[in-house]
Amino acid sequence: MTYTAYQLDGSPVGNRRQQLAKLCRDIYLPYGLADFGGEVIEHSSVRCEIVREDRSSSTGVVFRGTVPPGDDFLASLRNWLYNLESHKFDWRPVIDWVRVHHGFTVAWSKIKEDVKRAIRGDCIFTGHSLGGALATIAAMDFATLSSIRIKAVVTFGSPRVGNGKFARSYTRLFGDVTERYVNYCDPVPLFPGALLGFRHVCPPRWWNGKEWKRHTGIWPWIKAAVCHRRFLADHHIDSYINLKDEAGLMQMRKAMK
């Protein structure tokens, strides 16, 4: 079974965001994307699923984010250990002097070879939270593979992944096909800290509570946080699904030009 319920190609920008966010939500479920024929790849609590759309040649690679403690305590603990290993080390799949979050790279190494064997042709990488970081690293790691063409990388509430060299290299390679969504006061994109040398890839598409904005810097979050304290709620994947596009889609399209 394929995921016709999740149309990816040819969809309006806002609709594709919602469809991919649903995939990112469903991969947290105990049965994951089994109802949509997902091929599960999981090692040491790092999980992704490979799904294919029958109306196109696209392959979706959906990376799971950090597991909530109430769902699976041990898996959640392992995920948080990956999140907290923020010391960096050299990583050179494409370009020298790229430095990447150690924990995220260790997590990616657990499933990298299985993902590489499972995908071919046009690919869309997506993920929420830790899953967004893995989607970003996967795109860079597979950038030179002739057997794979990365059509899109779509992340929701992703943390920073690497240093400025990594961010610039990624943006040069995938800036035109990346959509990095941030919801209002979602705190996760603020980490790991910029003072530690981490930088985001690509400008975000930030929902400010009324419309979509493109921005750089921390001040919009600080301003929003003064009047808004639902930090964890804004990071939840359901919040990215429930954002209404009717009021904001036109503004987002203008910002994307």
C-alpha atoms as a PDB file:
ATOM      1  CA  MET A   1       0.000   0.000   0.000  1.00  0.00           C
ATOM      2  CA  THR A   2       1.286   3.456  -0.840  1.00  0.00           C
ATOM      3  CA  TYR A   3       0.555   6.796   0.731  1.00  0.00           C
ATOM      4  CA  THR A   4      -1.994   8.306  -1.667  1.00  0.00           C
ATOM      5  CA  ALA A   5      -3.572   9.866   1.431  1.00  0.00           C
ATOM      6  CA  TYR A   6      -0.474  12.035   1.673  1.00  0.00           C
ATOM      7  CA  GLN A   7      -0.182  13.805  -1.664  1.00  0.00           C
ATOM      8  CA  LEU A   8       3.249  15.365  -2.076  1.00  0.00           C
ATOM      9  CA  ASP A   9       3.852  16.288  -5.700  1.00  0.00           C
ATOM     10  CA  GLY A  10       1.897  19.076  -7.310  1.00  0.00           C
ATOM     11  CA  SER A  11       0.345  20.230  -4.035  1.00  0.00           C
ATOM     12  CA  PRO A  12       0.114  23.884  -2.967  1.00  0.00           C
ATOM     13  CA  VAL A  13       2.888  24.874  -0.585  1.00  0.00           C
ATOM     14  CA  GLY A  14       0.607  25.024   2.456  1.00  0.00           C
ATOM     15  CA  ASN A  15      -1.083  21.736   1.676  1.00  0.00           C
ATOM     16  CA  ARG A  16       2.236  19.924   1.276  1.00  0.00           C
ATOM     17  CA  ARG A  17       3.331  21.271   4.651  1.00  0.00           C
ATOM     18  CA  GLN A  18       0.223  19.825   6.248  1.00  0.00           C
ATOM     19  CA  GLN A  19       0.516  16.479   4.479  1.00  0.00           C
ATOM     20  CA  LEU A  20       4.147  15.994   5.494  1.00  0.00           C
ATOM     21  CA  ALA A  21       3.402  17.115   9.048  1.00  0.00           C
ATOM     22  CA  LYS A  22       0.789  14.343   9.220  1.00  0.00           C
ATOM     23  CA  LEU A  23       3.422  11.809   8.218  1.00  0.00           C
ATOM     24  CA  CYS A  24       5.725  13.188  10.902  1.00  0.00           C
ATOM     25  CA  ARG A  25       2.911  12.838  13.439  1.00  0.00           C
ATOM     26  CA  ASP A  26       1.941   9.309  12.457  1.00  0.00           C
ATOM     27  CA  ILE A  27       5.480   7.953  12.689  1.00  0.00           C
ATOM     28  CA  TYR A  28       5.278   8.566  16.462  1.00  0.00           C
ATOM     29  CA  LEU A  29       2.417   6.049  16.698  1.00  0.00           C
ATOM     30  CA  PRO A  30       3.243   2.501  17.871  1.00  0.00           C
ATOM     31  CA  TYR A  31       2.444   1.090  14.428  1.00  0.00           C
ATOM     32  CA  GLY A  32       4.018   4.040  12.630  1.00  0.00           C
ATOM     33  CA  LEU A  33       3.157   4.292   8.950  1.00  0.00           C
ATOM     34  CA  ALA A  34       2.307   0.603   8.581  1.00  0.00           C
ATOM     35  CA  ASP A  35      -1.109   1.401   7.125  1.00  0.00           C
ATOM     36  CA  PHE A  36       0.637   3.204   4.281  1.00  0.00           C
ATOM     37  CA  GLY A  37       3.146   0.520   3.441  1.00  0.00           C
ATOM     38  CA  GLY A  38       6.030   2.153   5.252  1.00  0.00           C
ATOM     39  CA  GLU A  39       9.321   0.261   5.347  1.00  0.00           C
ATOM     40  CA  VAL A  40      10.609   0.610   8.900  1.00  0.00           C
ATOM     41  CA  ILE A  41      14.279   1.240   9.601  1.00  0.00           C
ATOM     42  CA  GLU A  42      15.096   1.383  13.310  1.00  0.00           C
ATOM     43  CA  HIS A  43      18.261   0.977  15.361  1.00  0.00           C
ATOM     44  CA  SER A  44      18.968   2.102  18.933  1.00  0.00           C
ATOM     45  CA  SER A  45      15.680   4.052  19.104  1.00  0.00           C
ATOM     46  CA  VAL A  46      16.499   5.990  15.923  1.00  0.00           C
ATOM     47  CA  ARG A  47      13.675   5.406  13.467  1.00  0.00           C
ATOM     48  CA  CYS A  48      12.674   6.367   9.980  1.00  0.00           C
ATOM     49  CA  GLU A  49      10.211   4.932   7.497  1.00  0.00           C
ATOM     50  CA  ILE A  50      10.363   4.768   3.726  1.00  0.00           C
ATOM     51  CA  VAL A  51       7.075   5.395   1.951  1.00  0.00           C
ATOM     52  CA  ARG A  52       6.257   5.746  -1.732  1.00  0.00           C
ATOM     53  CA  GLU A  53       3.538   7.633  -3.529  1.00  0.00           C
ATOM     54  CA  ASP A  54       1.882   5.643  -6.282  1.00  0.00           C
ATOM     55  CA  ARG A  55       1.044   8.665  -8.437  1.00  0.00           C
ATOM     56  CA  SER A  56       4.664   9.669  -8.859  1.00  0.00           C
ATOM     57  CA  SER A  57       8.158   8.275  -8.561  1.00  0.00           C
ATOM     58  CA  SER A  58       8.797  10.119  -5.304  1.00  0.00           C
ATOM     59  CA  THR A  59      10.076   8.303  -2.227  1.00  0.00           C
ATOM     60  CA  GLY A  60       9.388   9.825   1.163  1.00  0.00           C
ATOM     61  CA  VAL A  61      11.890   9.357   3.992  1.00  0.00           C
ATOM     62  CA  VAL A  62      10.194  10.262   7.277  1.00  0.00           C
ATOM     63  CA  PHE A  63      12.453  10.614  10.329  1.00  0.00           C
ATOM     64  CA  ARG A  64      10.946  10.277  13.795  1.00  0.00           C
ATOM     65  CA  GLY A  65      11.658  12.946  16.363  1.00  0.00           C
ATOM     66  CA  THR A  66      12.356  12.567  20.067  1.00  0.00           C
ATOM     67  CA  VAL A  67      10.011  10.025  21.632  1.00  0.00           C
ATOM     68  CA  PRO A  68       7.891  11.432  24.511  1.00  0.00           C
ATOM     69  CA  PRO A  69       8.862   9.784  27.841  1.00  0.00           C
ATOM     70  CA  GLY A  70       5.339   8.513  28.420  1.00  0.00           C
ATOM     71  CA  ASP A  71       5.346   6.527  25.178  1.00  0.00           C
ATOM     72  CA  ASP A  72       8.648   4.679  25.540  1.00  0.00           C
ATOM     73  CA  PHE A  73      10.917   5.764  28.378  1.00  0.00           C
ATOM     74  CA  LEU A  74      14.066   3.984  27.181  1.00  0.00           C
ATOM     75  CA  ALA A  75      13.668   5.196  23.598  1.00  0.00           C
ATOM     76  CA  SER A  76      13.035   8.719  24.877  1.00  0.00           C
ATOM     77  CA  LEU A  77      16.133   8.555  27.094  1.00  0.00           C
ATOM     78  CA  ARG A  78      18.324   7.455  24.180  1.00  0.00           C
ATOM     79  CA  ASN A  79      16.914  10.219  21.975  1.00  0.00           C
ATOM     80  CA  TRP A  80      17.635  12.841  24.641  1.00  0.00           C
ATOM     81  CA  LEU A  81      21.173  11.565  25.016  1.00  0.00           C
ATOM     82  CA  TYR A  82      21.627  12.167  21.281  1.00  0.00           C
ATOM     83  CA  ASN A  83      20.111  15.648  21.684  1.00  0.00           C
ATOM     84  CA  LEU A  84      22.418  16.577  24.560  1.00  0.00           C
ATOM     85  CA  GLU A  85      25.686  15.515  22.904  1.00  0.00           C
ATOM     86  CA  SER A  86      26.269  18.957  21.481  1.00  0.00           C
ATOM     87  CA  HIS A  87      30.051  18.893  21.220  1.00  0.00           C
ATOM     88  CA  LYS A  88      31.097  19.012  17.577  1.00  0.00           C
ATOM     89  CA  PHE A  89      33.539  17.146  15.436  1.00  0.00           C
ATOM     90  CA  ASP A  90      34.763  17.308  11.854  1.00  0.00           C
ATOM     91  CA  TRP A  91      32.508  15.579   9.367  1.00  0.00           C
ATOM     92  CA  ARG A  92      33.493  15.624   5.695  1.00  0.00           C
ATOM     93  CA  PRO A  93      31.057  13.849   3.376  1.00  0.00           C
ATOM     94  CA  VAL A  94      31.064  16.826   0.994  1.00  0.00           C
ATOM     95  CA  ILE A  95      33.172  19.757   2.141  1.00  0.00           C
ATOM     96  CA  ASP A  96      36.117  20.170   4.528  1.00  0.00           C
ATOM     97  CA  TRP A  97      35.870  21.983   7.851  1.00  0.00           C
ATOM     98  CA  VAL A  98      32.194  21.173   8.259  1.00  0.00           C
ATOM     99  CA  ARG A  99      31.405  20.550  11.914  1.00  0.00           C
ATOM    100  CA  VAL A 100      28.183  18.878  13.044  1.00  0.00           C
ATOM    101  CA  HIS A 101      26.391  18.137  16.325  1.00  0.00           C
ATOM    102  CA  HIS A 102      27.941  14.919  17.592  1.00  0.00           C
ATOM    103  CA  GLY A 103      24.774  13.341  18.977  1.00  0.00           C
ATOM    104  CA  PHE A 104      22.756  13.932  15.787  1.00  0.00           C
ATOM    105  CA  THR A 105      25.520  12.462  13.660  1.00  0.00           C
ATOM    106  CA  VAL A 106      25.803   9.395  15.889  1.00  0.00           C
ATOM    107  CA  ALA A 107      22.039   8.929  15.610  1.00  0.00           C
ATOM    108  CA  TRP A 108      22.208   9.230  11.817  1.00  0.00           C
ATOM    109  CA  SER A 109      25.037   6.697  11.644  1.00  0.00           C
ATOM    110  CA  LYS A 110      22.736   4.073  13.204  1.00  0.00           C
ATOM    111  CA  ILE A 111      20.421   4.014  10.181  1.00  0.00           C
ATOM    112  CA  LYS A 112      22.453   5.574   7.373  1.00  0.00           C
ATOM    113  CA  GLU A 113      23.446   2.430   5.473  1.00  0.00           C
ATOM    114  CA  ASP A 114      19.953   0.925   5.642  1.00  0.00           C
ATOM    115  CA  VAL A 115      18.422   4.163   4.358  1.00  0.00           C
ATOM    116  CA  LYS A 116      20.988   4.311   1.572  1.00  0.00           C
ATOM    117  CA  ARG A 117      20.087   0.790   0.456  1.00  0.00           C
ATOM    118  CA  ALA A 118      16.354   1.473   0.610  1.00  0.00           C
ATOM    119  CA  ILE A 119      16.017   4.597  -1.533  1.00  0.00           C
ATOM    120  CA  ARG A 120      16.519   5.415  -5.175  1.00  0.00           C
ATOM    121  CA  GLY A 121      15.472   8.174  -7.547  1.00  0.00           C
ATOM    122  CA  ASP A 122      13.522  11.240  -6.399  1.00  0.00           C
ATOM    123  CA  CYS A 123      13.414  11.615  -2.607  1.00  0.00           C
ATOM    124  CA  ILE A 124      11.685  13.893  -0.124  1.00  0.00           C
ATOM    125  CA  PHE A 125      13.204  14.008   3.371  1.00  0.00           C
ATOM    126  CA  THR A 126      11.054  15.187   6.256  1.00  0.00           C
ATOM    127  CA  GLY A 127      11.086  15.125  10.043  1.00  0.00           C
ATOM    128  CA  HIS A 128       9.980  16.842  13.233  1.00  0.00           C
ATOM    129  CA  SER A 129      12.339  17.909  16.033  1.00  0.00           C
ATOM    130  CA  LEU A 130      15.240  15.412  16.127  1.00  0.00           C
ATOM    131  CA  GLY A 131      13.771  14.009  12.911  1.00  0.00           C
ATOM    132  CA  GLY A 132      14.279  17.386  11.230  1.00  0.00           C
ATOM    133  CA  ALA A 133      17.942  17.347  12.224  1.00  0.00           C
ATOM    134  CA  LEU A 134      18.318  13.830  10.788  1.00  0.00           C
ATOM    135  CA  ALA A 135      16.595  14.858   7.546  1.00  0.00           C
ATOM    136  CA  THR A 136      19.032  17.769   7.200  1.00  0.00           C
ATOM    137  CA  ILE A 137      22.106  15.633   7.831  1.00  0.00           C
ATOM    138  CA  ALA A 138      20.839  12.905   5.499  1.00  0.00           C
ATOM    139  CA  ALA A 139      20.463  15.383   2.649  1.00  0.00           C
ATOM    140  CA  MET A 140      24.052  16.564   3.040  1.00  0.00           C
ATOM    141  CA  ASP A 141      25.386  13.039   3.393  1.00  0.00           C
ATOM    142  CA  PHE A 142      23.644  11.862   0.222  1.00  0.00           C
ATOM    143  CA  ALA A 143      24.362  15.004  -1.804  1.00  0.00           C
ATOM    144  CA  THR A 144      26.974  13.306  -3.974  1.00  0.00           C
ATOM    145  CA  LEU A 145      25.098  10.054  -4.644  1.00  0.00           C
ATOM    146  CA  SER A 146      24.107   9.778  -8.296  1.00  0.00           C
ATOM    147  CA  SER A 147      21.379   7.238  -7.490  1.00  0.00           C
ATOM    148  CA  ILE A 148      19.399   9.755  -5.425  1.00  0.00           C
ATOM    149  CA  ARG A 149      17.884  13.113  -6.358  1.00  0.00           C
ATOM    150  CA  ILE A 150      16.694  15.126  -3.370  1.00  0.00           C
ATOM    151  CA  LYS A 151      13.540  16.930  -4.461  1.00  0.00           C
ATOM    152  CA  ALA A 152      12.692  18.481  -1.097  1.00  0.00           C
ATOM    153  CA  VAL A 153      13.730  18.661   2.545  1.00  0.00           C
ATOM    154  CA  VAL A 154      10.878  19.745   4.830  1.00  0.00           C
ATOM    155  CA  THR A 155      11.448  20.085   8.580  1.00  0.00           C
ATOM    156  CA  PHE A 156       9.256  21.089  11.509  1.00  0.00           C
ATOM    157  CA  GLY A 157      10.737  22.549  14.683  1.00  0.00           C
ATOM    158  CA  SER A 158      14.232  21.382  13.816  1.00  0.00           C
ATOM    159  CA  PRO A 159      17.176  22.265  16.061  1.00  0.00           C
ATOM    160  CA  ARG A 160      20.408  23.697  14.693  1.00  0.00           C
ATOM    161  CA  VAL A 161      22.593  20.959  13.217  1.00  0.00           C
ATOM    162  CA  GLY A 162      26.081  22.278  12.509  1.00  0.00           C
ATOM    163  CA  ASN A 163      28.414  25.228  12.332  1.00  0.00           C
ATOM    164  CA  GLY A 164      28.362  28.129   9.890  1.00  0.00           C
ATOM    165  CA  LYS A 165      30.315  26.178   7.276  1.00  0.00           C
ATOM    166  CA  PHE A 166      27.760  23.386   7.401  1.00  0.00           C
ATOM    167  CA  ALA A 167      24.856  25.850   7.195  1.00  0.00           C
ATOM    168  CA  ARG A 168      26.337  27.728   4.222  1.00  0.00           C
ATOM    169  CA  SER A 169      27.265  24.532   2.391  1.00  0.00           C
ATOM    170  CA  TYR A 170      23.812  23.075   2.948  1.00  0.00           C
ATOM    171  CA  THR A 171      22.055  26.256   1.837  1.00  0.00           C
ATOM    172  CA  ARG A 172      24.147  26.387  -1.329  1.00  0.00           C
ATOM    173  CA  LEU A 173      23.229  22.787  -2.187  1.00  0.00           C
ATOM    174  CA  PHE A 174      19.629  22.578  -0.983  1.00  0.00           C
ATOM    175  CA  GLY A 175      18.423  26.079  -0.186  1.00  0.00           C
ATOM    176  CA  ASP A 176      16.023  26.102  -3.137  1.00  0.00           C
ATOM    177  CA  VAL A 177      14.319  22.847  -2.114  1.00  0.00           C
ATOM    178  CA  THR A 178      14.274  23.219   1.690  1.00  0.00           C
ATOM    179  CA  GLU A 179      11.285  24.337   3.757  1.00  0.00           C
ATOM    180  CA  ARG A 180      12.201  24.839   7.427  1.00  0.00           C
ATOM    181  CA  TYR A 181       9.026  25.540   9.408  1.00  0.00           C
ATOM    182  CA  VAL A 182       9.003  27.095  12.873  1.00  0.00           C
ATOM    183  CA  ASN A 183       5.799  27.619  14.847  1.00  0.00           C
ATOM    184  CA  TYR A 184       5.546  30.790  16.939  1.00  0.00           C
ATOM    185  CA  CYS A 185       7.371  30.137  20.256  1.00  0.00           C
ATOM    186  CA  ASP A 186       8.671  26.655  19.506  1.00  0.00           C
ATOM    187  CA  PRO A 187      11.868  26.649  21.615  1.00  0.00           C
ATOM    188  CA  VAL A 188      13.690  23.737  19.952  1.00  0.00           C
ATOM    189  CA  PRO A 189      14.996  25.771  16.957  1.00  0.00           C
ATOM    190  CA  LEU A 190      16.876  27.948  19.467  1.00  0.00           C
ATOM    191  CA  PHE A 191      19.141  25.006  20.346  1.00  0.00           C
ATOM    192  CA  PRO A 192      21.976  24.118  20.317  1.00  0.00           C
ATOM    193  CA  GLY A 193      22.984  27.678  21.062  1.00  0.00           C
ATOM    194  CA  ALA A 194      24.456  30.088  18.567  1.00  0.00           C
ATOM    195  CA  LEU A 195      27.099  31.007  21.161  1.00  0.00           C
ATOM    196  CA  LEU A 196      28.407  27.442  20.795  1.00  0.00           C
ATOM    197  CA  GLY A 197      28.938  28.067  17.090  1.00  0.00           C
ATOM    198  CA  PHE A 198      25.781  26.408  15.741  1.00  0.00           C
ATOM    199  CA  ARG A 199      23.916  27.986  12.845  1.00  0.00           C
ATOM    200  CA  HIS A 200      20.645  27.210  11.108  1.00  0.00           C
ATOM    201  CA  VAL A 201      20.409  26.131   7.492  1.00  0.00           C
ATOM    202  CA  CYS A 202      18.200  28.341   5.301  1.00  0.00           C
ATOM    203  CA  PRO A 203      15.908  31.109   6.554  1.00  0.00           C
ATOM    204  CA  PRO A 204      12.862  29.718   8.380  1.00  0.00           C
ATOM    205  CA  ARG A 205       9.221  29.990   7.527  1.00  0.00           C
ATOM    206  CA  TRP A 206       8.049  31.297  10.878  1.00  0.00           C
ATOM    207  CA  TRP A 207       4.398  31.423  11.923  1.00  0.00           C
ATOM    208  CA  ASN A 208       4.094  34.504  14.153  1.00  0.00           C
ATOM    209  CA  GLY A 209       0.550  33.739  15.275  1.00  0.00           C
ATOM    210  CA  LYS A 210      -1.059  35.656  12.416  1.00  0.00           C
ATOM    211  CA  GLU A 211       0.953  35.109   9.258  1.00  0.00           C
ATOM    212  CA  TRP A 212       4.049  33.456   7.810  1.00  0.00           C
ATOM    213  CA  LYS A 213       7.264  35.436   7.974  1.00  0.00           C
ATOM    214  CA  ARG A 214      10.826  35.033   6.791  1.00  0.00           C
ATOM    215  CA  HIS A 215      13.309  36.326   9.334  1.00  0.00           C
ATOM    216  CA  THR A 216      16.731  35.858  10.814  1.00  0.00           C
ATOM    217  CA  GLY A 217      17.863  36.303  14.394  1.00  0.00           C
ATOM    218  CA  ILE A 218      16.376  35.615  17.803  1.00  0.00           C
ATOM    219  CA  TRP A 219      14.362  38.787  18.472  1.00  0.00           C
ATOM    220  CA  PRO A 220      11.030  37.638  16.986  1.00  0.00           C
ATOM    221  CA  TRP A 221      11.054  34.664  19.386  1.00  0.00           C
ATOM    222  CA  ILE A 222      11.906  36.886  22.358  1.00  0.00           C
ATOM    223  CA  LYS A 223       9.150  39.343  21.462  1.00  0.00           C
ATOM    224  CA  ALA A 224       6.617  36.540  21.059  1.00  0.00           C
ATOM    225  CA  ALA A 225       7.697  34.830  24.285  1.00  0.00           C
ATOM    226  CA  VAL A 226       6.907  37.939  26.355  1.00  0.00           C
ATOM    227  CA  CYS A 227       3.225  37.489  25.609  1.00  0.00           C
ATOM    228  CA  HIS A 228       3.108  33.779  24.938  1.00  0.00           C
ATOM    229  CA  ARG A 229       4.238  30.889  27.126  1.00  0.00           C
ATOM    230  CA  ARG A 230       2.979  27.767  25.371  1.00  0.00           C
ATOM    231  CA  PHE A 231       6.482  26.740  24.379  1.00  0.00           C
ATOM    232  CA  LEU A 232       6.054  22.961  24.477  1.00  0.00           C
ATOM    233  CA  ALA A 233       2.623  23.134  22.849  1.00  0.00           C
ATOM    234  CA  ASP A 234       4.093  25.123  19.983  1.00  0.00           C
ATOM    235  CA  HIS A 235       6.695  22.409  19.434  1.00  0.00           C
ATOM    236  CA  HIS A 236       4.180  19.569  19.319  1.00  0.00           C
ATOM    237  CA  ILE A 237       3.769  18.181  15.809  1.00  0.00           C
ATOM    238  CA  ASP A 238      -0.016  18.665  15.977  1.00  0.00           C
ATOM    239  CA  SER A 239       0.546  22.419  16.192  1.00  0.00           C
ATOM    240  CA  TYR A 240       2.225  22.325  12.772  1.00  0.00           C
ATOM    241  CA  ILE A 241      -0.693  20.379  11.306  1.00  0.00           C
ATOM    242  CA  ASN A 242      -3.340  22.667  12.768  1.00  0.00           C
ATOM    243  CA  LEU A 243      -1.919  25.975  11.543  1.00  0.00           C
ATOM    244  CA  LYS A 244      -4.533  27.574   9.307  1.00  0.00           C
ATOM    245  CA  ASP A 245      -3.334  28.408   5.842  1.00  0.00           C
ATOM    246  CA  GLU A 246      -6.373  30.363   4.710  1.00  0.00           C
ATOM    247  CA  ALA A 247      -5.186  33.522   6.456  1.00  0.00           C
ATOM    248  CA  GLY A 248      -1.472  33.007   6.011  1.00  0.00           C
ATOM    249  CA  LEU A 249      -0.839  31.184   2.749  1.00  0.00           C
ATOM    250  CA  MET A 250      -0.784  34.311   0.590  1.00  0.00           C
ATOM    251  CA  GLN A 251       1.621  36.049   2.960  1.00  0.00           C
ATOM    252  CA  MET A 252       3.887  32.996   2.990  1.00  0.00           C
ATOM    253  CA  ARG A 253       3.950  32.850  -0.799  1.00  0.00           C
ATOM    254  CA  LYS A 254       4.903  36.531  -0.938  1.00  0.00           C
ATOM    255  CA  ALA A 255       7.649  35.955   1.627  1.00  0.00           C
ATOM    256  CA  MET A 256       8.982  33.022  -0.399  1.00  0.00           C
ATOM    257  CA  LYS A 257       9.486  35.099  -3.558  1.00  0.00           C
END
